[in-house]
């Protein structure tokens, strides 16, 4: 119990450290938030221009909840990049703590940060489109899929975080490319049915596809989660498989980076 308590304190320390980083670069945080709000509004205005409330809600839900998933993914995937940027990568990886404690702190902060970020965007869009009708929405379905999707994206983020560790100069670019591919195949702004056949196969491998499908069903049609089990079980499987695999793969990459001296490189 003493060891667990020590590791949990270490996790909280990483949460606090990430908060201080956010506060230090608050100007960039505000700029990124304004850009996210403007982007969500620009996408949603397509539905308003077409005079379709359903299209408006579909686009709005896609913009809002993809923002949440991408923020969670980015914070976790860029864990190594931020450490290298701050010049603390070698010190952090040599600290007497377990790696899961560090990743747990990053994950928890990413989820809280993503929720706050997404809540601001949601309020901005609701105020901008007062004609929206959420009287038939099922918020519990949306919350459940957000939580399930978070754990699935945590696993993917851990795997993506390996790339900056292994490829000092190009790792961050590779994580951005992966995030862009997820955006393309996950049906964020359109139905995956319009994609070519081979891309539809990829869409079924993306947790975001099931999250967006479930959230839209809950907020637009008021569908209870009991009727969306076909979207629930892929997310459960993804979380159960990807998180342990991500931890194992990260540990292997860390040992390789230490052995080859990549921790000391700044790119």
Protein backbone atom coordinates (compact mmCIF):
# COMPACT_ATOMS: atom_id res chain seq x y z
CA UNK A 1 0.00 0.00 0.00
CA UNK A 2 2.91 2.34 0.73
CA UNK A 3 4.31 1.75 -2.77
CA UNK A 4 0.92 2.37 -4.37
CA UNK A 5 0.46 5.57 -2.36
CA UNK A 6 3.91 6.74 -3.46
CA UNK A 7 3.11 6.10 -7.11
CA UNK A 8 -0.26 7.86 -6.85
CA UNK A 9 1.47 10.89 -5.36
CA UNK A 10 3.84 10.81 -8.32
CA UNK A 11 0.84 10.69 -10.67
CA UNK A 12 -0.62 13.74 -8.97
CA UNK A 13 2.73 15.48 -9.35
CA UNK A 14 2.53 14.99 -13.13
CA UNK A 15 -1.04 16.31 -13.13
CA UNK A 16 0.16 19.40 -11.25
CA UNK A 17 3.16 19.79 -13.55
CA UNK A 18 0.95 19.65 -16.66
CA UNK A 19 -1.35 22.25 -15.12
CA UNK A 20 1.60 24.56 -14.52
CA UNK A 21 2.70 24.07 -18.13
CA UNK A 22 -0.78 25.01 -19.33
CA UNK A 23 -0.75 28.08 -17.10
CA UNK A 24 2.71 29.10 -18.30
CA UNK A 25 1.63 29.02 -21.94
CA UNK A 26 -1.87 30.37 -21.31
CA UNK A 27 -1.65 32.64 -24.34
CA UNK A 28 -1.29 29.66 -26.64
CA UNK A 29 -4.07 27.86 -24.78
CA UNK A 30 -6.44 30.77 -25.38
CA UNK A 31 -5.40 30.97 -29.02
CA UNK A 32 -5.95 27.25 -29.51
CA UNK A 33 -9.35 27.45 -27.78
CA UNK A 34 -10.46 30.36 -29.98
CA UNK A 35 -9.30 28.46 -33.06
CA UNK A 36 -11.23 25.35 -31.93
CA UNK A 37 -14.41 27.36 -31.32
CA UNK A 38 -14.07 29.08 -34.71
CA UNK A 39 -13.48 25.75 -36.44
CA UNK A 40 -16.50 24.12 -34.78
CA UNK A 41 -18.67 27.11 -35.70
CA UNK A 42 -17.44 27.08 -39.31
CA UNK A 43 -18.31 23.41 -39.69
CA UNK A 44 -21.70 23.76 -37.96
CA UNK A 45 -22.66 26.75 -40.12
CA UNK A 46 -22.72 24.39 -43.12
CA UNK A 47 -25.75 22.70 -41.56
CA UNK A 48 -27.37 26.05 -40.80
CA UNK A 49 -26.76 27.17 -44.38
CA UNK A 50 -28.54 24.07 -45.68
CA UNK A 51 -31.50 24.71 -43.38
CA UNK A 52 -31.30 21.23 -41.88
CA UNK A 53 -31.49 20.95 -38.06
CA UNK A 54 -30.40 17.30 -38.25
CA UNK A 55 -27.36 18.13 -40.37
CA UNK A 56 -26.54 21.02 -38.04
CA UNK A 57 -26.62 18.72 -35.00
CA UNK A 58 -24.66 16.02 -36.81
CA UNK A 59 -21.86 18.42 -37.73
CA UNK A 60 -21.89 20.10 -34.33
CA UNK A 61 -21.61 16.81 -32.45
CA UNK A 62 -18.80 15.72 -34.76
CA UNK A 63 -16.87 18.96 -34.24
CA UNK A 64 -17.33 19.02 -30.45
CA UNK A 65 -16.58 15.42 -29.61
CA UNK A 66 -13.77 15.00 -32.10
CA UNK A 67 -12.20 17.98 -30.36
CA UNK A 68 -12.42 16.11 -27.05
CA UNK A 69 -10.94 12.89 -28.44
CA UNK A 70 -8.17 14.71 -30.29
CA UNK A 71 -7.23 16.73 -27.19
CA UNK A 72 -6.98 13.54 -25.11
CA UNK A 73 -4.97 11.85 -27.85
CA UNK A 74 -2.64 14.83 -28.32
CA UNK A 75 -1.85 15.30 -24.63
CA UNK A 76 -0.90 11.64 -24.24
CA UNK A 77 0.85 11.23 -27.59
CA UNK A 78 2.93 14.36 -27.01
CA UNK A 79 4.08 13.35 -23.51
CA UNK A 80 7.58 12.58 -24.73
CA UNK A 81 7.71 15.59 -27.06
CA UNK A 82 6.79 17.98 -24.22
CA UNK A 83 9.43 16.45 -21.93
CA UNK A 84 12.06 16.79 -24.66
CA UNK A 85 10.96 20.35 -25.41
CA UNK A 86 11.23 21.29 -21.72
CA UNK A 87 14.62 19.58 -21.47
CA UNK A 88 13.40 17.23 -18.73
CA UNK A 89 13.05 13.97 -20.67
CA UNK A 90 16.19 12.28 -19.34
CA UNK A 91 15.56 13.38 -15.76
CA UNK A 92 11.93 12.21 -15.83
CA UNK A 93 12.78 8.81 -17.25
CA UNK A 94 15.51 8.33 -14.68
CA UNK A 95 13.26 9.30 -11.76
CA UNK A 96 12.49 6.51 -9.21
CA UNK A 97 8.85 6.09 -10.24
CA UNK A 98 7.01 3.53 -12.28
CA UNK A 99 6.17 4.50 -15.82
CA UNK A 100 2.47 3.76 -15.36
CA UNK A 101 2.39 6.45 -12.65
CA UNK A 102 3.66 9.06 -15.10
CA UNK A 103 1.27 7.95 -17.82
CA UNK A 104 -1.64 7.85 -15.36
CA UNK A 105 -0.99 11.47 -14.42
CA UNK A 106 -0.82 12.49 -18.07
CA UNK A 107 -4.00 10.56 -18.89
CA UNK A 108 -6.04 12.04 -16.02
CA UNK A 109 -4.94 15.57 -16.84
CA UNK A 110 -5.67 15.01 -20.53
CA UNK A 111 -9.22 13.88 -19.76
CA UNK A 112 -9.95 16.79 -17.40
CA UNK A 113 -8.37 19.30 -19.79
CA UNK A 114 -10.33 17.81 -22.70
CA UNK A 115 -13.61 18.04 -20.78
CA UNK A 116 -13.06 21.70 -19.88
CA UNK A 117 -11.97 22.52 -23.42
CA UNK A 118 -14.97 20.71 -24.92
CA UNK A 119 -17.43 22.26 -22.46
CA UNK A 120 -16.36 25.76 -23.52
CA UNK A 121 -16.87 24.87 -27.19
CA UNK A 122 -20.25 23.27 -26.46
CA UNK A 123 -21.51 26.35 -24.59
CA UNK A 124 -20.27 28.64 -27.37
CA UNK A 125 -22.12 26.64 -30.04
CA UNK A 126 -25.33 26.40 -28.02
CA UNK A 127 -25.31 30.17 -27.52
CA UNK A 128 -24.60 30.71 -31.23
CA UNK A 129 -27.42 28.37 -32.32
CA UNK A 130 -30.30 29.02 -29.87
CA UNK A 131 -32.68 27.20 -32.21
CA UNK A 132 -31.15 23.84 -31.32
CA UNK A 133 -33.57 21.41 -29.69
CA UNK A 134 -32.11 18.99 -27.14
CA UNK A 135 -35.45 18.09 -25.56
CA UNK A 136 -35.21 14.52 -26.87
CA UNK A 137 -31.53 14.06 -26.10
CA UNK A 138 -30.22 11.31 -23.84
CA UNK A 139 -27.18 12.86 -22.13
CA UNK A 140 -26.31 9.65 -20.26
CA UNK A 141 -25.64 7.92 -23.57
CA UNK A 142 -23.32 10.73 -24.66
CA UNK A 143 -21.43 10.69 -21.33
CA UNK A 144 -21.05 6.91 -21.41
CA UNK A 145 -19.60 6.94 -24.92
CA UNK A 146 -17.25 9.78 -24.02
CA UNK A 147 -15.85 7.75 -21.13
CA UNK A 148 -15.56 4.58 -23.21
CA UNK A 149 -13.93 6.50 -26.04
CA UNK A 150 -11.49 8.14 -23.65
CA UNK A 151 -10.08 4.80 -22.52
CA UNK A 152 -9.83 3.58 -26.10
CA UNK A 153 -7.96 6.72 -27.17
CA UNK A 154 -5.70 6.44 -24.14
CA UNK A 155 -4.36 3.16 -25.52
CA UNK A 156 -3.83 4.63 -28.98
CA UNK A 157 -2.19 7.71 -27.45
CA UNK A 158 0.25 5.56 -25.48
CA UNK A 159 1.25 3.72 -28.64
CA UNK A 160 1.61 7.02 -30.53
CA UNK A 161 3.76 8.44 -27.69
CA UNK A 162 6.38 5.84 -28.61
CA UNK A 163 7.05 7.52 -31.96
CA UNK A 164 8.75 10.68 -30.59
CA UNK A 165 10.76 8.41 -28.31
CA UNK A 166 12.07 6.29 -31.17
CA UNK A 167 12.23 8.91 -33.91
CA UNK A 168 13.60 12.09 -32.39
CA UNK A 169 13.40 14.30 -35.49
CA UNK A 170 10.16 12.98 -37.02
CA UNK A 171 8.21 11.39 -34.17
CA UNK A 172 5.95 14.38 -33.47
CA UNK A 173 5.11 14.69 -37.17
CA UNK A 174 4.24 10.99 -37.28
CA UNK A 175 1.77 11.33 -34.38
CA UNK A 176 0.12 14.25 -36.20
CA UNK A 177 -0.22 12.13 -39.34
CA UNK A 178 -1.81 9.33 -37.29
CA UNK A 179 -4.29 11.76 -35.77
CA UNK A 180 -5.13 13.10 -39.24
CA UNK A 181 -5.79 9.59 -40.53
CA UNK A 182 -8.14 8.92 -37.60
CA UNK A 183 -10.01 12.13 -38.47
CA UNK A 184 -10.38 10.99 -42.08
CA UNK A 185 -11.72 7.48 -41.47
CA UNK A 186 -13.84 8.03 -38.34
CA UNK A 187 -16.86 9.74 -39.90
CA UNK A 188 -16.46 12.95 -37.92
CA UNK A 189 -18.40 15.11 -40.39
CA UNK A 190 -19.99 12.48 -42.64
CA UNK A 191 -21.20 8.91 -42.65
CA UNK A 192 -18.47 6.30 -43.08
CA UNK A 193 -20.75 4.64 -45.64
CA UNK A 194 -19.58 7.11 -48.30
CA UNK A 195 -15.95 6.07 -47.89
CA UNK A 196 -14.31 3.60 -50.30
CA UNK A 197 -14.52 -0.01 -49.19
CA UNK A 198 -10.93 -0.27 -47.98
CA UNK A 199 -11.32 2.91 -45.94
CA UNK A 200 -14.52 1.58 -44.36
CA UNK A 201 -12.47 -1.34 -43.06
CA UNK A 202 -10.12 1.16 -41.40
CA UNK A 203 -13.05 3.12 -39.99
CA UNK A 204 -14.21 0.03 -38.08
CA UNK A 205 -10.77 -0.12 -36.44
CA UNK A 206 -11.04 3.47 -35.16
CA UNK A 207 -12.65 3.89 -31.72
CA UNK A 208 -13.77 7.39 -32.74
CA UNK A 209 -16.20 5.85 -35.25
CA UNK A 210 -18.14 4.13 -32.48
CA UNK A 211 -17.92 7.08 -30.09
CA UNK A 212 -19.34 9.54 -32.61
CA UNK A 213 -22.05 7.10 -33.69
CA UNK A 214 -23.12 6.56 -30.08
CA UNK A 215 -23.00 10.23 -29.09
CA UNK A 216 -25.01 11.27 -32.14
CA UNK A 217 -27.61 8.59 -31.47
CA UNK A 218 -27.93 9.74 -27.86
CA UNK A 219 -28.07 13.51 -28.46
CA UNK A 220 -30.02 13.60 -31.72
CA UNK A 221 -32.39 10.64 -31.37
CA UNK A 222 -32.36 10.07 -27.60
CA UNK A 223 -31.29 6.45 -28.04
CA UNK A 224 -30.49 4.68 -24.73
CA UNK A 225 -27.15 2.93 -24.43
CA UNK A 226 -28.88 -0.45 -24.12
CA UNK A 227 -29.81 -0.17 -27.81
CA UNK A 228 -26.25 0.68 -28.85
CA UNK A 229 -24.40 -2.36 -27.58
CA UNK A 230 -23.04 -2.91 -31.10
CA UNK A 231 -21.05 0.30 -30.55
CA UNK A 232 -20.22 -0.41 -26.90
CA UNK A 233 -18.42 -3.74 -27.16
CA UNK A 234 -15.80 -2.59 -29.74
CA UNK A 235 -14.86 0.27 -27.39
CA UNK A 236 -14.60 -2.09 -24.42
CA UNK A 237 -12.41 -4.47 -26.39
CA UNK A 238 -10.24 -1.60 -27.64
CA UNK A 239 -9.72 -0.27 -24.11
CA UNK A 240 -8.96 -3.68 -22.62
CA UNK A 241 -6.50 -4.55 -25.38
CA UNK A 242 -4.86 -1.23 -26.25
CA UNK A 243 -4.09 0.11 -22.76
CA UNK A 244 -2.07 -2.92 -21.56
CA UNK A 245 -0.43 -3.21 -24.97
CA UNK A 246 0.39 0.51 -24.93
CA UNK A 247 2.03 0.22 -21.50
CA UNK A 248 4.05 -2.81 -22.60
CA UNK A 249 5.12 -1.21 -25.88
CA UNK A 250 6.07 2.04 -24.16
CA UNK A 251 8.25 0.11 -21.70
CA UNK A 252 10.01 -1.66 -24.57
CA UNK A 253 10.58 1.62 -26.40
CA UNK A 254 11.89 3.25 -23.23
CA UNK A 255 14.47 0.52 -22.72
CA UNK A 256 15.55 0.84 -26.35
CA UNK A 257 15.82 4.64 -26.08
CA UNK A 258 17.93 4.38 -22.93
CA UNK A 259 20.20 1.79 -24.50
CA UNK A 260 20.77 3.82 -27.66
CA UNK A 261 21.07 7.25 -26.00
CA UNK A 262 17.96 8.77 -27.59
CA UNK A 263 16.88 10.36 -24.30
CA UNK A 264 19.76 12.80 -24.48
CA UNK A 265 18.95 13.94 -27.99
CA UNK A 266 16.87 17.06 -28.52
CA UNK A 267 16.13 16.63 -32.22
